[in-house]
Amino acid sequence: MQTTETTLYTKRYDMYREKADKIANYKSYSDRKKIDSLLELNATIYANLGTDSTKTEWQTANVTSRHIYRLIKQYDERLGEMCLRDSLND
């Protein structure tokens, strides 16, 4: 059974995924600006984690981060691959 706190974190990461998908679909953004915005969103995810974060929160953040890296890979193959590879080595 999920606690209220776990549900809140799940909703937060769903929101991050939706925002990442929205950024990737912007027609007015250049590829470079999309990548920058996605990396900024990824940094925000990790900035909101702390020493009091649970293992589940960290795992959810990592999964969301890999989703963002896959989106980046659509615009810059080399950068996306490098980020994905590094995220698996953590």
C-alpha atoms as a PDB file:
ATOM      1  CA  MET A   1       0.000   0.000   0.000  1.00  0.00           C
ATOM      2  CA  GLN A   2       1.317   3.409  -0.958  1.00  0.00           C
ATOM      3  CA  THR A   3       1.532   6.120   1.641  1.00  0.00           C
ATOM      4  CA  THR A   4       0.386   9.653   0.955  1.00  0.00           C
ATOM      5  CA  GLU A   5       4.009  10.768   0.793  1.00  0.00           C
ATOM      6  CA  THR A   6       4.869   8.120  -1.816  1.00  0.00           C
ATOM      7  CA  THR A   7       1.855   9.150  -3.886  1.00  0.00           C
ATOM      8  CA  LEU A   8       2.987  12.781  -3.812  1.00  0.00           C
ATOM      9  CA  TYR A   9       6.449  11.858  -5.061  1.00  0.00           C
ATOM     10  CA  THR A  10       4.979   9.691  -7.814  1.00  0.00           C
ATOM     11  CA  LYS A  11       2.798  12.579  -8.957  1.00  0.00           C
ATOM     12  CA  ARG A  12       5.796  14.918  -8.906  1.00  0.00           C
ATOM     13  CA  TYR A  13       7.821  12.645 -11.180  1.00  0.00           C
ATOM     14  CA  ASP A  14       4.829  12.153 -13.478  1.00  0.00           C
ATOM     15  CA  MET A  15       4.703  15.939 -13.714  1.00  0.00           C
ATOM     16  CA  TYR A  16       8.420  16.044 -14.610  1.00  0.00           C
ATOM     17  CA  ARG A  17       7.868  13.463 -17.380  1.00  0.00           C
ATOM     18  CA  GLU A  18       4.917  15.401 -18.766  1.00  0.00           C
ATOM     19  CA  LYS A  19       6.925  18.616 -18.724  1.00  0.00           C
ATOM     20  CA  ALA A  20       9.833  16.894 -20.503  1.00  0.00           C
ATOM     21  CA  ASP A  21       7.497  15.546 -23.185  1.00  0.00           C
ATOM     22  CA  LYS A  22       5.969  18.989 -23.579  1.00  0.00           C
ATOM     23  CA  ILE A  23       9.395  20.601 -24.033  1.00  0.00           C
ATOM     24  CA  ALA A  24      10.329  17.985 -26.634  1.00  0.00           C
ATOM     25  CA  ASN A  25       7.181  18.827 -28.630  1.00  0.00           C
ATOM     26  CA  TYR A  26       7.676  22.613 -28.714  1.00  0.00           C
ATOM     27  CA  LYS A  27       7.749  23.727 -32.331  1.00  0.00           C
ATOM     28  CA  SER A  28       9.174  27.173 -31.557  1.00  0.00           C
ATOM     29  CA  TYR A  29      12.265  25.832 -29.730  1.00  0.00           C
ATOM     30  CA  SER A  30      15.464  24.992 -31.570  1.00  0.00           C
ATOM     31  CA  ASP A  31      17.033  21.599 -30.885  1.00  0.00           C
ATOM     32  CA  ARG A  32      19.711  23.294 -28.754  1.00  0.00           C
ATOM     33  CA  LYS A  33      17.107  25.095 -26.646  1.00  0.00           C
ATOM     34  CA  LYS A  34      15.147  21.852 -26.174  1.00  0.00           C
ATOM     35  CA  ILE A  35      18.288  20.089 -24.955  1.00  0.00           C
ATOM     36  CA  ASP A  36      19.129  22.967 -22.604  1.00  0.00           C
ATOM     37  CA  SER A  37      15.600  23.013 -21.184  1.00  0.00           C
ATOM     38  CA  LEU A  38      15.589  19.234 -20.708  1.00  0.00           C
ATOM     39  CA  LEU A  39      18.952  19.322 -18.933  1.00  0.00           C
ATOM     40  CA  GLU A  40      17.701  22.147 -16.717  1.00  0.00           C
ATOM     41  CA  LEU A  41      14.641  20.072 -15.812  1.00  0.00           C
ATOM     42  CA  ASN A  42      16.914  17.120 -15.033  1.00  0.00           C
ATOM     43  CA  ALA A  43      19.037  19.314 -12.745  1.00  0.00           C
ATOM     44  CA  THR A  44      15.874  20.447 -10.955  1.00  0.00           C
ATOM     45  CA  ILE A  45      14.924  16.831 -10.283  1.00  0.00           C
ATOM     46  CA  TYR A  46      18.224  16.118  -8.542  1.00  0.00           C
ATOM     47  CA  ALA A  47      18.271  19.491  -6.759  1.00  0.00           C
ATOM     48  CA  ASN A  48      15.029  18.527  -5.040  1.00  0.00           C
ATOM     49  CA  LEU A  49      16.519  15.314  -3.658  1.00  0.00           C
ATOM     50  CA  GLY A  50      18.325  15.377  -0.367  1.00  0.00           C
ATOM     51  CA  THR A  51      19.916  13.245   2.279  1.00  0.00           C
ATOM     52  CA  ASP A  52      16.475  12.553   3.719  1.00  0.00           C
ATOM     53  CA  SER A  53      15.162  11.187   0.388  1.00  0.00           C
ATOM     54  CA  THR A  54      14.216   7.527   0.342  1.00  0.00           C
ATOM     55  CA  LYS A  55      15.731   4.906  -1.912  1.00  0.00           C
ATOM     56  CA  THR A  56      12.454   4.797  -3.859  1.00  0.00           C
ATOM     57  CA  GLU A  57      12.622   8.545  -4.497  1.00  0.00           C
ATOM     58  CA  TRP A  58      16.169   8.215  -5.812  1.00  0.00           C
ATOM     59  CA  GLN A  59      15.185   5.306  -8.060  1.00  0.00           C
ATOM     60  CA  THR A  60      12.188   7.212  -9.405  1.00  0.00           C
ATOM     61  CA  ALA A  61      14.401  10.235 -10.065  1.00  0.00           C
ATOM     62  CA  ASN A  62      16.880   8.031 -11.955  1.00  0.00           C
ATOM     63  CA  VAL A  63      14.124   6.506 -14.105  1.00  0.00           C
ATOM     64  CA  THR A  64      12.738   9.968 -14.889  1.00  0.00           C
ATOM     65  CA  SER A  65      16.236  11.180 -15.687  1.00  0.00           C
ATOM     66  CA  ARG A  66      16.782   8.338 -18.164  1.00  0.00           C
ATOM     67  CA  HIS A  67      13.469   9.279 -19.825  1.00  0.00           C
ATOM     68  CA  ILE A  68      14.834  12.812 -20.268  1.00  0.00           C
ATOM     69  CA  TYR A  69      18.115  11.480 -21.659  1.00  0.00           C
ATOM     70  CA  ARG A  70      16.208   9.412 -24.230  1.00  0.00           C
ATOM     71  CA  LEU A  71      14.418  12.574 -25.344  1.00  0.00           C
ATOM     72  CA  ILE A  72      17.771  14.375 -25.613  1.00  0.00           C
ATOM     73  CA  LYS A  73      19.072  11.496 -27.737  1.00  0.00           C
ATOM     74  CA  GLN A  74      16.452  12.389 -30.377  1.00  0.00           C
ATOM     75  CA  TYR A  75      18.181  15.743 -30.898  1.00  0.00           C
ATOM     76  CA  ASP A  76      21.820  14.909 -30.180  1.00  0.00           C
ATOM     77  CA  GLU A  77      22.664  11.215 -30.523  1.00  0.00           C
ATOM     78  CA  ARG A  78      26.143  11.478 -28.982  1.00  0.00           C
ATOM     79  CA  LEU A  79      25.103  13.526 -25.945  1.00  0.00           C
ATOM     80  CA  GLY A  80      22.043  11.359 -25.302  1.00  0.00           C
ATOM     81  CA  GLU A  81      24.075   8.134 -25.480  1.00  0.00           C
ATOM     82  CA  MET A  82      26.748   9.558 -23.197  1.00  0.00           C
ATOM     83  CA  CYS A  83      24.178  10.652 -20.592  1.00  0.00           C
ATOM     84  CA  LEU A  84      22.373   7.306 -20.721  1.00  0.00           C
ATOM     85  CA  ARG A  85      25.611   5.367 -20.372  1.00  0.00           C
ATOM     86  CA  ASP A  86      26.719   7.505 -17.426  1.00  0.00           C
ATOM     87  CA  SER A  87      23.344   7.172 -15.715  1.00  0.00           C
ATOM     88  CA  LEU A  88      23.642   3.387 -15.776  1.00  0.00           C
ATOM     89  CA  ASN A  89      27.101   3.486 -14.177  1.00  0.00           C
ATOM     90  CA  ASP A  90      25.838   5.208 -11.015  1.00  0.00           C
END
